[in-house]
Protein backbone atom coordinates (compact mmCIF):
# COMPACT_ATOMS: atom_id res chain seq x y z
CA MET A 1 0.00 0.00 0.00
CA SER A 2 1.50 3.34 -1.05
CA LYS A 3 1.75 6.30 1.29
CA ASN A 4 1.31 10.03 0.82
CA ILE A 5 4.40 11.83 2.14
CA LEU A 6 4.41 15.56 2.89
CA ALA A 7 7.94 16.98 3.15
CA ILE A 8 8.19 20.58 4.37
CA TYR A 9 11.50 22.44 4.23
CA PRO A 10 12.31 26.09 5.02
CA HIS A 11 14.65 26.75 2.06
CA PRO A 12 15.18 25.54 -1.50
CA ASP A 13 17.74 22.72 -1.74
CA ASP A 14 17.17 21.65 1.89
CA GLU A 15 15.32 18.58 0.65
CA THR A 16 18.43 17.61 -1.29
CA ILE A 17 20.89 18.26 1.52
CA ILE A 18 18.79 16.93 4.40
CA GLY A 19 16.28 14.39 3.12
CA ALA A 20 17.25 13.09 -0.31
CA GLY A 21 17.95 9.54 0.85
CA THR A 22 14.67 9.21 2.71
CA LEU A 23 12.67 10.76 -0.12
CA ARG A 24 14.32 8.43 -2.63
CA LYS A 25 13.43 5.43 -0.48
CA HIS A 26 9.78 6.48 -0.51
CA VAL A 27 9.74 7.13 -4.26
CA LYS A 28 11.23 3.69 -4.94
CA ALA A 29 8.52 2.18 -2.71
CA GLY A 30 5.87 3.83 -4.90
CA ASP A 31 4.87 6.50 -2.40
CA LYS A 32 3.58 9.90 -3.52
CA ILE A 33 5.78 12.82 -2.38
CA THR A 34 4.52 16.37 -1.97
CA LEU A 35 7.33 18.86 -1.38
CA VAL A 36 6.72 22.27 0.20
CA CYS A 37 9.34 25.02 0.50
CA ALA A 38 8.41 27.75 2.97
CA THR A 39 10.50 30.43 1.26
CA LEU A 40 12.02 31.12 -2.14
CA GLY A 41 15.47 31.46 -0.59
CA GLN A 42 15.47 35.16 -1.36
CA ASN A 43 17.53 36.05 1.72
CA GLY A 44 20.25 33.50 1.06
CA THR A 45 23.30 33.61 -1.15
CA PRO A 46 22.22 32.66 -4.68
CA HIS A 47 24.10 29.89 -6.48
CA GLY A 48 22.30 30.67 -9.71
CA SER A 49 20.12 33.32 -11.20
CA THR A 50 16.72 31.83 -10.29
CA PHE A 51 15.30 30.06 -7.24
CA PHE A 52 12.94 27.19 -7.83
CA CYS A 53 11.40 24.76 -5.45
């Protein structure tokens, strides 16, 4: 039975740095992932020209 996973992170890229392994495990198990970023990262140091989440 698949699960619905809600992952909430404060900044863009946090899901990659903090939770990528866990999220991958759920995706491979067939679970549905919903990812929410609380900010656009506008107060951080940009590593590119655009912030996406």
